[in-house]
């Protein structure tokens, strides 16, 4: 009786191990090519014909102050 329980327990543990290995292989799938970056949203582009608001000018000045090349 004990051998039977041990045998079934070993089969269940072995099958659970194989299932976890298969799940891990699915989880770690890496595609052959990296995905292409999406194009920028049209509303995120700066239009040269519209002047910046005071808040946008202040943000631009803060960003320019962070740039070590300027």
Protein backbone atom coordinates (compact mmCIF):
# COMPACT_ATOMS: atom_id res chain seq x y z
CA UNK A 1 0.00 0.00 0.00
CA UNK A 2 2.80 2.41 0.90
CA UNK A 3 4.60 1.65 -2.36
CA UNK A 4 1.45 2.50 -4.28
CA UNK A 5 1.11 5.88 -2.51
CA UNK A 6 4.79 6.62 -3.06
CA UNK A 7 4.52 5.72 -6.74
CA UNK A 8 1.48 7.94 -7.31
CA UNK A 9 3.03 10.78 -5.33
CA UNK A 10 6.18 10.55 -7.45
CA UNK A 11 4.10 10.62 -10.64
CA UNK A 12 2.11 13.66 -9.46
CA UNK A 13 5.27 15.52 -8.41
CA UNK A 14 6.98 14.63 -11.71
CA UNK A 15 4.00 15.80 -13.73
CA UNK A 16 3.78 19.02 -11.73
CA UNK A 17 7.49 19.61 -12.38
CA UNK A 18 7.03 19.10 -16.14
CA UNK A 19 4.07 21.50 -16.12
CA UNK A 20 6.11 24.15 -14.33
CA UNK A 21 8.98 23.73 -16.80
CA UNK A 22 6.57 24.17 -19.72
CA UNK A 23 5.03 27.23 -18.06
CA UNK A 24 8.49 28.72 -17.52
CA UNK A 25 9.38 28.18 -21.15
CA UNK A 26 6.24 30.03 -22.21
CA UNK A 27 6.84 32.84 -19.72
CA UNK A 28 10.43 33.44 -20.86
CA UNK A 29 9.68 33.45 -24.60
CA UNK A 30 11.81 36.02 -26.40
CA UNK A 31 10.91 36.97 -29.98
CA UNK A 32 13.59 36.76 -32.68
CA UNK A 33 13.24 40.45 -33.62
CA UNK A 34 12.63 43.35 -31.22
CA UNK A 35 9.29 45.13 -31.69
CA UNK A 36 9.24 48.25 -33.83
CA UNK A 37 8.72 51.54 -31.98
CA UNK A 38 5.36 53.10 -32.62
CA UNK A 39 5.18 56.48 -34.39
CA UNK A 40 4.60 59.49 -32.13
CA UNK A 41 1.06 60.60 -31.51
CA UNK A 42 0.09 63.53 -33.77
CA UNK A 43 -1.08 65.62 -30.82
CA UNK A 44 2.35 65.37 -29.15
CA UNK A 45 4.12 67.29 -31.91
CA UNK A 46 5.09 70.91 -31.40
CA UNK A 47 3.55 73.19 -33.99
CA UNK A 48 5.85 76.04 -35.05
CA UNK A 49 2.95 78.33 -35.99
CA UNK A 50 1.48 78.43 -32.44
CA UNK A 51 3.45 80.32 -29.76
CA UNK A 52 4.23 78.61 -26.47
CA UNK A 53 2.14 79.40 -23.41
CA UNK A 54 3.88 80.95 -20.38
CA UNK A 55 3.86 77.58 -18.61
CA UNK A 56 5.40 75.88 -21.63
CA UNK A 57 8.06 78.59 -21.88
CA UNK A 58 8.92 78.09 -18.20
CA UNK A 59 9.20 74.33 -18.72
CA UNK A 60 11.38 74.85 -21.78
CA UNK A 61 13.67 77.15 -19.79
CA UNK A 62 13.96 74.54 -17.02
CA UNK A 63 14.88 71.89 -19.56
CA UNK A 64 17.45 74.14 -21.19
CA UNK A 65 19.00 74.83 -17.77
CA UNK A 66 19.47 71.07 -17.30
CA UNK A 67 21.21 70.63 -20.64
CA UNK A 68 25.02 70.71 -20.03
CA UNK A 69 25.73 71.54 -23.68
CA UNK A 70 23.95 74.91 -23.61
